[in-house]
Amino acid sequence: MGGDGDDVIIGRDGRDFLMGGGERDLIFGSAGQDVLEGGPGNDTLAGGSETDVLRGGAGDDTMFGGSGMDVCNGQEGDDDFAASDCEARPNVP
């Protein structure tokens, strides 16, 4: 879990729940079905090699699905979905 500042969070093999903090966070999934949550800042989320769920949170976020069939929820803000394997769901809580 991220703190109040800018964070870099990297998942490990297996199923991870990775959550950013209050600023600009870089969150990377790994092998395993991961859940990545950006939080209130302008975050970058990148899924790993399996099916992942990416939630941007408040802020202007960028999401890269990775090699699995991923679900990306933009939530609040102006979000970018940068992978063709990311099933984009903007503004879904």
PDB file of N, CA and C in Angstrom:
ATOM      1  N   MET A   1       0.846  -1.179   0.000  1.00  0.00           N
ATOM      2  CA  MET A   1       0.000   0.000   0.000  1.00  0.00           C
ATOM      3  C   MET A   1       0.891   1.242   0.000  1.00  0.00           C
ATOM      4  N   GLY A   2       0.504   2.202  -0.826  1.00  0.00           N
ATOM      5  CA  GLY A   2       1.281   3.425  -0.934  1.00  0.00           C
ATOM      6  C   GLY A   2       1.029   4.389   0.204  1.00  0.00           C
ATOM      7  N   GLY A   3       1.930   5.344   0.339  1.00  0.00           N
ATOM      8  CA  GLY A   3       1.812   6.367   1.368  1.00  0.00           C
ATOM      9  C   GLY A   3       1.292   7.677   0.798  1.00  0.00           C
ATOM     10  N   ASP A   4       1.582   8.767   1.494  1.00  0.00           N
ATOM     11  CA  ASP A   4       1.083  10.079   1.096  1.00  0.00           C
ATOM     12  C   ASP A   4       1.796  10.657  -0.126  1.00  0.00           C
ATOM     13  N   GLY A   5       3.034  10.258  -0.381  1.00  0.00           N
ATOM     14  CA  GLY A   5       3.797  10.808  -1.501  1.00  0.00           C
ATOM     15  C   GLY A   5       3.705   9.946  -2.745  1.00  0.00           C
ATOM     16  N   ASP A   6       4.615  10.195  -3.694  1.00  0.00           N
ATOM     17  CA  ASP A   6       4.699   9.392  -4.915  1.00  0.00           C
ATOM     18  C   ASP A   6       5.293   8.035  -4.559  1.00  0.00           C
ATOM     19  N   ASP A   7       4.680   6.962  -5.074  1.00  0.00           N
ATOM     20  CA  ASP A   7       5.123   5.610  -4.735  1.00  0.00           C
ATOM     21  C   ASP A   7       5.353   4.781  -5.985  1.00  0.00           C
ATOM     22  N   VAL A   8       6.250   3.795  -5.868  1.00  0.00           N
ATOM     23  CA  VAL A   8       6.411   2.744  -6.863  1.00  0.00           C
ATOM     24  C   VAL A   8       6.093   1.439  -6.149  1.00  0.00           C
ATOM     25  N   ILE A   9       5.070   0.734  -6.644  1.00  0.00           N
ATOM     26  CA  ILE A   9       4.614  -0.496  -6.002  1.00  0.00           C
ATOM     27  C   ILE A   9       4.684  -1.607  -7.041  1.00  0.00           C
ATOM     28  N   ILE A  10       5.369  -2.699  -6.701  1.00  0.00           N
ATOM     29  CA  ILE A  10       5.565  -3.808  -7.633  1.00  0.00           C
ATOM     30  C   ILE A  10       5.049  -5.083  -6.987  1.00  0.00           C
ATOM     31  N   GLY A  11       4.149  -5.774  -7.689  1.00  0.00           N
ATOM     32  CA  GLY A  11       3.600  -7.026  -7.182  1.00  0.00           C
ATOM     33  C   GLY A  11       4.596  -8.164  -7.290  1.00  0.00           C
ATOM     34  N   ARG A  12       4.267  -9.260  -6.637  1.00  0.00           N
ATOM     35  CA  ARG A  12       5.087 -10.460  -6.681  1.00  0.00           C
ATOM     36  C   ARG A  12       4.295 -11.546  -7.385  1.00  0.00           C
ATOM     37  N   ASP A  13       4.917 -12.691  -7.605  1.00  0.00           N
ATOM     38  CA  ASP A  13       4.196 -13.819  -8.182  1.00  0.00           C
ATOM     39  C   ASP A  13       3.036 -14.187  -7.271  1.00  0.00           C
ATOM     40  N   GLY A  14       1.926 -14.575  -7.849  1.00  0.00           N
ATOM     41  CA  GLY A  14       0.735 -14.895  -7.074  1.00  0.00           C
ATOM     42  C   GLY A  14      -0.264 -13.760  -7.144  1.00  0.00           C
ATOM     43  N   ARG A  15      -1.349 -13.911  -6.435  1.00  0.00           N
ATOM     44  CA  ARG A  15      -2.444 -12.936  -6.446  1.00  0.00           C
ATOM     45  C   ARG A  15      -2.123 -11.807  -5.477  1.00  0.00           C
ATOM     46  N   ASP A  16      -2.117 -10.574  -5.989  1.00  0.00           N
ATOM     47  CA  ASP A  16      -1.784  -9.410  -5.166  1.00  0.00           C
ATOM     48  C   ASP A  16      -2.900  -8.375  -5.219  1.00  0.00           C
ATOM     49  N   PHE A  17      -3.051  -7.632  -4.116  1.00  0.00           N
ATOM     50  CA  PHE A  17      -3.896  -6.440  -4.081  1.00  0.00           C
ATOM     51  C   PHE A  17      -2.958  -5.278  -3.824  1.00  0.00           C
ATOM     52  N   LEU A  18      -2.788  -4.406  -4.825  1.00  0.00           N
ATOM     53  CA  LEU A  18      -1.821  -3.316  -4.754  1.00  0.00           C
ATOM     54  C   LEU A  18      -2.570  -1.999  -4.800  1.00  0.00           C
ATOM     55  N   MET A  19      -2.373  -1.154  -3.792  1.00  0.00           N
ATOM     56  CA  MET A  19      -3.111   0.102  -3.709  1.00  0.00           C
ATOM     57  C   MET A  19      -2.149   1.265  -3.540  1.00  0.00           C
ATOM     58  N   GLY A  20      -2.349   2.290  -4.377  1.00  0.00           N
ATOM     59  CA  GLY A  20      -1.539   3.494  -4.294  1.00  0.00           C
ATOM     60  C   GLY A  20      -1.994   4.406  -3.174  1.00  0.00           C
ATOM     61  N   GLY A  21      -1.240   5.468  -2.977  1.00  0.00           N
ATOM     62  CA  GLY A  21      -1.555   6.451  -1.943  1.00  0.00           C
ATOM     63  C   GLY A  21      -2.140   7.715  -2.539  1.00  0.00           C
ATOM     64  N   GLY A  22      -1.752   8.857  -1.961  1.00  0.00           N
ATOM     65  CA  GLY A  22      -2.396  10.114  -2.297  1.00  0.00           C
ATOM     66  C   GLY A  22      -1.806  10.902  -3.445  1.00  0.00           C
ATOM     67  N   GLU A  23      -0.689  10.519  -3.990  1.00  0.00           N
ATOM     68  CA  GLU A  23      -0.054  11.309  -5.054  1.00  0.00           C
ATOM     69  C   GLU A  23       0.047  10.495  -6.335  1.00  0.00           C
ATOM     70  N   ARG A  24       1.095  10.752  -7.117  1.00  0.00           N
ATOM     71  CA  ARG A  24       1.325  10.028  -8.378  1.00  0.00           C
ATOM     72  C   ARG A  24       2.036   8.722  -8.082  1.00  0.00           C
ATOM     73  N   ASP A  25       1.356   7.634  -8.353  1.00  0.00           N
ATOM     74  CA  ASP A  25       1.917   6.320  -8.063  1.00  0.00           C
ATOM     75  C   ASP A  25       2.131   5.526  -9.345  1.00  0.00           C
ATOM     76  N   LEU A  26       3.173   4.703  -9.343  1.00  0.00           N
ATOM     77  CA  LEU A  26       3.425   3.726 -10.397  1.00  0.00           C
ATOM     78  C   LEU A  26       3.174   2.362  -9.780  1.00  0.00           C
ATOM     79  N   ILE A  27       2.213   1.617 -10.332  1.00  0.00           N
ATOM     80  CA  ILE A  27       1.838   0.331  -9.752  1.00  0.00           C
ATOM     81  C   ILE A  27       1.946  -0.729 -10.840  1.00  0.00           C
ATOM     82  N   PHE A  28       2.729  -1.779 -10.566  1.00  0.00           N
ATOM     83  CA  PHE A  28       2.991  -2.832 -11.540  1.00  0.00           C
ATOM     84  C   PHE A  28       2.550  -4.177 -10.987  1.00  0.00           C
ATOM     85  N   GLY A  29       1.669  -4.864 -11.715  1.00  0.00           N
ATOM     86  CA  GLY A  29       1.320  -6.232 -11.369  1.00  0.00           C
ATOM     87  C   GLY A  29       2.412  -7.171 -11.854  1.00  0.00           C
ATOM     88  N   SER A  30       2.327  -8.425 -11.450  1.00  0.00           N
ATOM     89  CA  SER A  30       3.297  -9.426 -11.871  1.00  0.00           C
ATOM     90  C   SER A  30       2.525 -10.672 -12.273  1.00  0.00           C
ATOM     91  N   ALA A  31       3.161 -11.834 -12.205  1.00  0.00           N
ATOM     92  CA  ALA A  31       2.462 -13.082 -12.493  1.00  0.00           C
ATOM     93  C   ALA A  31       1.392 -13.297 -11.429  1.00  0.00           C
ATOM     94  N   GLY A  32       0.225 -13.713 -11.835  1.00  0.00           N
ATOM     95  CA  GLY A  32      -0.894 -13.898 -10.919  1.00  0.00           C
ATOM     96  C   GLY A  32      -2.019 -12.943 -11.256  1.00  0.00           C
ATOM     97  N   GLN A  33      -3.194 -13.246 -10.770  1.00  0.00           N
ATOM     98  CA  GLN A  33      -4.364 -12.397 -11.002  1.00  0.00           C
ATOM     99  C   GLN A  33      -4.368 -11.298  -9.957  1.00  0.00           C
ATOM    100  N   ASP A  34      -4.050 -10.089 -10.375  1.00  0.00           N
ATOM    101  CA  ASP A  34      -3.851  -8.977  -9.453  1.00  0.00           C
ATOM    102  C   ASP A  34      -4.978  -7.956  -9.540  1.00  0.00           C
ATOM    103  N   VAL A  35      -5.149  -7.222  -8.444  1.00  0.00           N
ATOM    104  CA  VAL A  35      -6.026  -6.056  -8.408  1.00  0.00           C
ATOM    105  C   VAL A  35      -5.136  -4.861  -8.108  1.00  0.00           C
ATOM    106  N   LEU A  36      -5.168  -3.852  -8.981  1.00  0.00           N
ATOM    107  CA  LEU A  36      -4.375  -2.639  -8.813  1.00  0.00           C
ATOM    108  C   LEU A  36      -5.320  -1.460  -8.661  1.00  0.00           C
ATOM    109  N   GLU A  37      -5.155  -0.679  -7.600  1.00  0.00           N
ATOM    110  CA  GLU A  37      -5.982   0.506  -7.365  1.00  0.00           C
ATOM    111  C   GLU A  37      -5.079   1.720  -7.242  1.00  0.00           C
ATOM    112  N   GLY A  38      -5.372   2.738  -8.055  1.00  0.00           N
ATOM    113  CA  GLY A  38      -4.514   3.909  -8.099  1.00  0.00           C
ATOM    114  C   GLY A  38      -4.657   4.865  -6.935  1.00  0.00           C
ATOM    115  N   GLY A  39      -5.858   5.120  -6.470  1.00  0.00           N
ATOM    116  CA  GLY A  39      -6.056   6.119  -5.429  1.00  0.00           C
ATOM    117  C   GLY A  39      -6.343   7.486  -6.024  1.00  0.00           C
ATOM    118  N   PRO A  40      -6.237   8.554  -5.214  1.00  0.00           N
ATOM    119  CA  PRO A  40      -6.680   9.875  -5.646  1.00  0.00           C
ATOM    120  C   PRO A  40      -5.724  10.642  -6.567  1.00  0.00           C
ATOM    121  N   GLY A  41      -4.508  10.230  -6.754  1.00  0.00           N
ATOM    122  CA  GLY A  41      -3.566  10.980  -7.588  1.00  0.00           C
ATOM    123  C   GLY A  41      -3.634  10.588  -9.054  1.00  0.00           C
ATOM    124  N   ASN A  42      -2.735  11.176  -9.855  1.00  0.00           N
ATOM    125  CA  ASN A  42      -2.597  10.825 -11.274  1.00  0.00           C
ATOM    126  C   ASN A  42      -1.637   9.650 -11.363  1.00  0.00           C
ATOM    127  N   ASP A  43      -2.172   8.460 -11.569  1.00  0.00           N
ATOM    128  CA  ASP A  43      -1.400   7.233 -11.419  1.00  0.00           C
ATOM    129  C   ASP A  43      -1.192   6.514 -12.742  1.00  0.00           C
ATOM    130  N   THR A  44      -0.169   5.644 -12.766  1.00  0.00           N
ATOM    131  CA  THR A  44       0.067   4.737 -13.878  1.00  0.00           C
ATOM    132  C   THR A  44      -0.008   3.321 -13.347  1.00  0.00           C
ATOM    133  N   LEU A  45      -0.886   2.503 -13.948  1.00  0.00           N
ATOM    134  CA  LEU A  45      -1.082   1.124 -13.531  1.00  0.00           C
ATOM    135  C   LEU A  45      -0.760   0.209 -14.702  1.00  0.00           C
ATOM    136  N   ALA A  46      -0.029  -0.860 -14.447  1.00  0.00           N
ATOM    137  CA  ALA A  46       0.326  -1.814 -15.493  1.00  0.00           C
ATOM    138  C   ALA A  46       0.067  -3.221 -14.983  1.00  0.00           C
ATOM    139  N   GLY A  47      -0.838  -3.925 -15.655  1.00  0.00           N
ATOM    140  CA  GLY A  47      -1.143  -5.299 -15.276  1.00  0.00           C
ATOM    141  C   GLY A  47       0.006  -6.231 -15.612  1.00  0.00           C
ATOM    142  N   GLY A  48      -0.081  -7.434 -15.092  1.00  0.00           N
ATOM    143  CA  GLY A  48       0.957  -8.428 -15.322  1.00  0.00           C
ATOM    144  C   GLY A  48       0.575  -9.424 -16.396  1.00  0.00           C
ATOM    145  N   SER A  49       1.028 -10.664 -16.216  1.00  0.00           N
ATOM    146  CA  SER A  49       0.897 -11.668 -17.260  1.00  0.00           C
ATOM    147  C   SER A  49      -0.419 -12.431 -17.234  1.00  0.00           C
ATOM    148  N   GLU A  50      -1.275 -12.211 -16.260  1.00  0.00           N
ATOM    149  CA  GLU A  50      -2.560 -12.900 -16.207  1.00  0.00           C
ATOM    150  C   GLU A  50      -3.693 -11.886 -16.202  1.00  0.00           C
ATOM    151  N   THR A  51      -4.906 -12.366 -15.974  1.00  0.00           N
ATOM    152  CA  THR A  51      -6.075 -11.496 -15.953  1.00  0.00           C
ATOM    153  C   THR A  51      -6.046 -10.628 -14.708  1.00  0.00           C
ATOM    154  N   ASP A  52      -6.082  -9.315 -14.890  1.00  0.00           N
ATOM    155  CA  ASP A  52      -5.993  -8.370 -13.781  1.00  0.00           C
ATOM    156  C   ASP A  52      -7.161  -7.394 -13.814  1.00  0.00           C
ATOM    157  N   VAL A  53      -7.409  -6.768 -12.666  1.00  0.00           N
ATOM    158  CA  VAL A  53      -8.386  -5.688 -12.559  1.00  0.00           C
ATOM    159  C   VAL A  53      -7.618  -4.431 -12.184  1.00  0.00           C
ATOM    160  N   LEU A  54      -7.765  -3.377 -12.981  1.00  0.00           N
ATOM    161  CA  LEU A  54      -7.096  -2.104 -12.730  1.00  0.00           C
ATOM    162  C   LEU A  54      -8.159  -1.048 -12.488  1.00  0.00           C
ATOM    163  N   ARG A  55      -8.062  -0.352 -11.357  1.00  0.00           N
ATOM    164  CA  ARG A  55      -9.002   0.715 -11.012  1.00  0.00           C
ATOM    165  C   ARG A  55      -8.213   2.000 -10.825  1.00  0.00           C
ATOM    166  N   GLY A  56      -8.527   2.993 -11.643  1.00  0.00           N
ATOM    167  CA  GLY A  56      -7.757   4.229 -11.604  1.00  0.00           C
ATOM    168  C   GLY A  56      -7.978   5.069 -10.367  1.00  0.00           C
ATOM    169  N   GLY A  57      -9.206   5.175  -9.899  1.00  0.00           N
ATOM    170  CA  GLY A  57      -9.513   6.073  -8.786  1.00  0.00           C
ATOM    171  C   GLY A  57      -9.628   7.506  -9.278  1.00  0.00           C
ATOM    172  N   ALA A  58      -9.709   8.434  -8.342  1.00  0.00           N
ATOM    173  CA  ALA A  58      -9.777   9.855  -8.696  1.00  0.00           C
ATOM    174  C   ALA A  58      -8.441  10.277  -9.304  1.00  0.00           C
ATOM    175  N   GLY A  59      -8.472  11.212 -10.202  1.00  0.00           N
ATOM    176  CA  GLY A  59      -7.251  11.673 -10.854  1.00  0.00           C
ATOM    177  C   GLY A  59      -7.220  11.231 -12.302  1.00  0.00           C
ATOM    178  N   ASP A  60      -6.227  11.716 -13.026  1.00  0.00           N
ATOM    179  CA  ASP A  60      -6.047  11.388 -14.440  1.00  0.00           C
ATOM    180  C   ASP A  60      -5.051  10.244 -14.530  1.00  0.00           C
ATOM    181  N   ASP A  61      -5.538   9.060 -14.828  1.00  0.00           N
ATOM    182  CA  ASP A  61      -4.725   7.852 -14.744  1.00  0.00           C
ATOM    183  C   ASP A  61      -4.458   7.257 -16.120  1.00  0.00           C
ATOM    184  N   THR A  62      -3.366   6.489 -16.205  1.00  0.00           N
ATOM    185  CA  THR A  62      -3.024   5.741 -17.407  1.00  0.00           C
ATOM    186  C   THR A  62      -2.935   4.277 -17.032  1.00  0.00           C
ATOM    187  N   MET A  63      -3.610   3.423 -17.826  1.00  0.00           N
ATOM    188  CA  MET A  63      -3.640   1.999 -17.523  1.00  0.00           C
ATOM    189  C   MET A  63      -3.187   1.174 -18.715  1.00  0.00           C
ATOM    190  N   PHE A  64      -2.266   0.250 -18.450  1.00  0.00           N
ATOM    191  CA  PHE A  64      -1.768  -0.711 -19.428  1.00  0.00           C
ATOM    192  C   PHE A  64      -2.226  -2.084 -18.961  1.00  0.00           C
ATOM    193  N   GLY A  65      -2.995  -2.778 -19.781  1.00  0.00           N
ATOM    194  CA  GLY A  65      -3.562  -4.048 -19.356  1.00  0.00           C
ATOM    195  C   GLY A  65      -2.554  -5.149 -19.106  1.00  0.00           C
ATOM    196  N   GLY A  66      -1.550  -5.294 -19.917  1.00  0.00           N
ATOM    197  CA  GLY A  66      -0.645  -6.429 -19.798  1.00  0.00           C
ATOM    198  C   GLY A  66      -1.063  -7.532 -20.754  1.00  0.00           C
ATOM    199  N   SER A  67      -0.530  -8.730 -20.567  1.00  0.00           N
ATOM    200  CA  SER A  67      -0.756  -9.797 -21.539  1.00  0.00           C
ATOM    201  C   SER A  67      -2.019 -10.606 -21.288  1.00  0.00           C
ATOM    202  N   GLY A  68      -2.662 -10.485 -20.141  1.00  0.00           N
ATOM    203  CA  GLY A  68      -3.916 -11.196 -19.888  1.00  0.00           C
ATOM    204  C   GLY A  68      -5.105 -10.391 -20.371  1.00  0.00           C
ATOM    205  N   MET A  69      -6.307 -10.957 -20.254  1.00  0.00           N
ATOM    206  CA  MET A  69      -7.534 -10.224 -20.589  1.00  0.00           C
ATOM    207  C   MET A  69      -7.936  -9.445 -19.350  1.00  0.00           C
ATOM    208  N   ASP A  70      -7.656  -8.164 -19.332  1.00  0.00           N
ATOM    209  CA  ASP A  70      -7.781  -7.340 -18.140  1.00  0.00           C
ATOM    210  C   ASP A  70      -9.005  -6.433 -18.202  1.00  0.00           C
ATOM    211  N   VAL A  71      -9.488  -6.043 -17.031  1.00  0.00           N
ATOM    212  CA  VAL A  71     -10.588  -5.094 -16.915  1.00  0.00           C
ATOM    213  C   VAL A  71     -10.029  -3.818 -16.306  1.00  0.00           C
ATOM    214  N   CYS A  72     -10.237  -2.691 -16.982  1.00  0.00           N
ATOM    215  CA  CYS A  72      -9.746  -1.401 -16.502  1.00  0.00           C
ATOM    216  C   CYS A  72     -10.932  -0.493 -16.205  1.00  0.00           C
ATOM    217  N   ASN A  73     -11.057  -0.078 -14.961  1.00  0.00           N
ATOM    218  CA  ASN A  73     -12.117   0.840 -14.535  1.00  0.00           C
ATOM    219  C   ASN A  73     -11.503   2.214 -14.341  1.00  0.00           C
ATOM    220  N   GLY A  74     -11.927   3.169 -15.167  1.00  0.00           N
ATOM    221  CA  GLY A  74     -11.350   4.500 -15.087  1.00  0.00           C
ATOM    222  C   GLY A  74     -11.721   5.247 -13.827  1.00  0.00           C
ATOM    223  N   GLN A  75     -12.958   5.160 -13.412  1.00  0.00           N
ATOM    224  CA  GLN A  75     -13.490   5.901 -12.282  1.00  0.00           C
ATOM    225  C   GLN A  75     -13.370   7.394 -12.542  1.00  0.00           C
ATOM    226  N   GLU A  76     -13.108   8.207 -11.548  1.00  0.00           N
ATOM    227  CA  GLU A  76     -13.103   9.666 -11.712  1.00  0.00           C
ATOM    228  C   GLU A  76     -11.850  10.139 -12.443  1.00  0.00           C
ATOM    229  N   GLY A  77     -11.960  11.243 -13.158  1.00  0.00           N
ATOM    230  CA  GLY A  77     -10.805  11.834 -13.827  1.00  0.00           C
ATOM    231  C   GLY A  77     -10.796  11.542 -15.314  1.00  0.00           C
ATOM    232  N   ASP A  78      -9.774  12.061 -15.993  1.00  0.00           N
ATOM    233  CA  ASP A  78      -9.580  11.882 -17.428  1.00  0.00           C
ATOM    234  C   ASP A  78      -8.549  10.786 -17.611  1.00  0.00           C
ATOM    235  N   ASP A  79      -8.999   9.578 -17.920  1.00  0.00           N
ATOM    236  CA  ASP A  79      -8.135   8.408 -17.918  1.00  0.00           C
ATOM    237  C   ASP A  79      -7.798   7.948 -19.327  1.00  0.00           C
ATOM    238  N   ASP A  80      -6.626   7.317 -19.463  1.00  0.00           N
ATOM    239  CA  ASP A  80      -6.188   6.737 -20.726  1.00  0.00           C
ATOM    240  C   ASP A  80      -6.026   5.239 -20.550  1.00  0.00           C
ATOM    241  N   PHE A  81      -6.548   4.485 -21.519  1.00  0.00           N
ATOM    242  CA  PHE A  81      -6.401   3.037 -21.537  1.00  0.00           C
ATOM    243  C   PHE A  81      -5.476   2.716 -22.697  1.00  0.00           C
ATOM    244  N   ALA A  82      -4.280   2.252 -22.396  1.00  0.00           N
ATOM    245  CA  ALA A  82      -3.242   2.181 -23.415  1.00  0.00           C
ATOM    246  C   ALA A  82      -2.970   0.774 -23.934  1.00  0.00           C
ATOM    247  N   ALA A  83      -3.869  -0.178 -23.723  1.00  0.00           N
ATOM    248  CA  ALA A  83      -3.607  -1.532 -24.197  1.00  0.00           C
ATOM    249  C   ALA A  83      -4.843  -2.099 -24.879  1.00  0.00           C
ATOM    250  N   SER A  84      -4.636  -2.792 -25.972  1.00  0.00           N
ATOM    251  CA  SER A  84      -5.762  -3.363 -26.701  1.00  0.00           C
ATOM    252  C   SER A  84      -6.411  -4.508 -25.944  1.00  0.00           C
ATOM    253  N   ASP A  85      -5.708  -5.098 -24.982  1.00  0.00           N
ATOM    254  CA  ASP A  85      -6.285  -6.215 -24.230  1.00  0.00           C
ATOM    255  C   ASP A  85      -6.970  -5.747 -22.953  1.00  0.00           C
ATOM    256  N   CYS A  86      -7.227  -4.477 -22.838  1.00  0.00           N
ATOM    257  CA  CYS A  86      -7.856  -3.909 -21.649  1.00  0.00           C
ATOM    258  C   CYS A  86      -9.312  -3.602 -21.968  1.00  0.00           C
ATOM    259  N   GLU A  87     -10.218  -4.311 -21.322  1.00  0.00           N
ATOM    260  CA  GLU A  87     -11.642  -4.029 -21.493  1.00  0.00           C
ATOM    261  C   GLU A  87     -11.948  -2.769 -20.699  1.00  0.00           C
ATOM    262  N   ALA A  88     -12.027  -1.644 -21.377  1.00  0.00           N
ATOM    263  CA  ALA A  88     -12.177  -0.343 -20.711  1.00  0.00           C
ATOM    264  C   ALA A  88     -13.592  -0.159 -20.186  1.00  0.00           C
ATOM    265  N   ARG A  89     -13.675   0.272 -18.938  1.00  0.00           N
ATOM    266  CA  ARG A  89     -14.947   0.597 -18.308  1.00  0.00           C
ATOM    267  C   ARG A  89     -14.804   1.938 -17.601  1.00  0.00           C
ATOM    268  N   PRO A  90     -14.821   3.031 -18.351  1.00  0.00           N
ATOM    269  CA  PRO A  90     -14.635   4.340 -17.722  1.00  0.00           C
ATOM    270  C   PRO A  90     -15.766   4.682 -16.776  1.00  0.00           C
ATOM    271  N   ASN A  91     -15.404   5.359 -15.701  1.00  0.00           N
ATOM    272  CA  ASN A  91     -16.367   5.886 -14.727  1.00  0.00           C
ATOM    273  C   ASN A  91     -17.240   4.831 -14.082  1.00  0.00           C
ATOM    274  N   VAL A  92     -16.702   3.649 -13.855  1.00  0.00           N
ATOM    275  CA  VAL A  92     -17.418   2.606 -13.126  1.00  0.00           C
ATOM    276  C   VAL A  92     -16.853   2.566 -11.720  1.00  0.00           C
ATOM    277  N   PRO A  93     -17.674   2.723 -10.693  1.00  0.00           N
ATOM    278  CA  PRO A  93     -17.142   2.727  -9.322  1.00  0.00           C
ATOM    279  C   PRO A  93     -16.630   1.368  -8.891  1.00  0.00           C
TER     280      PRO A  93
END
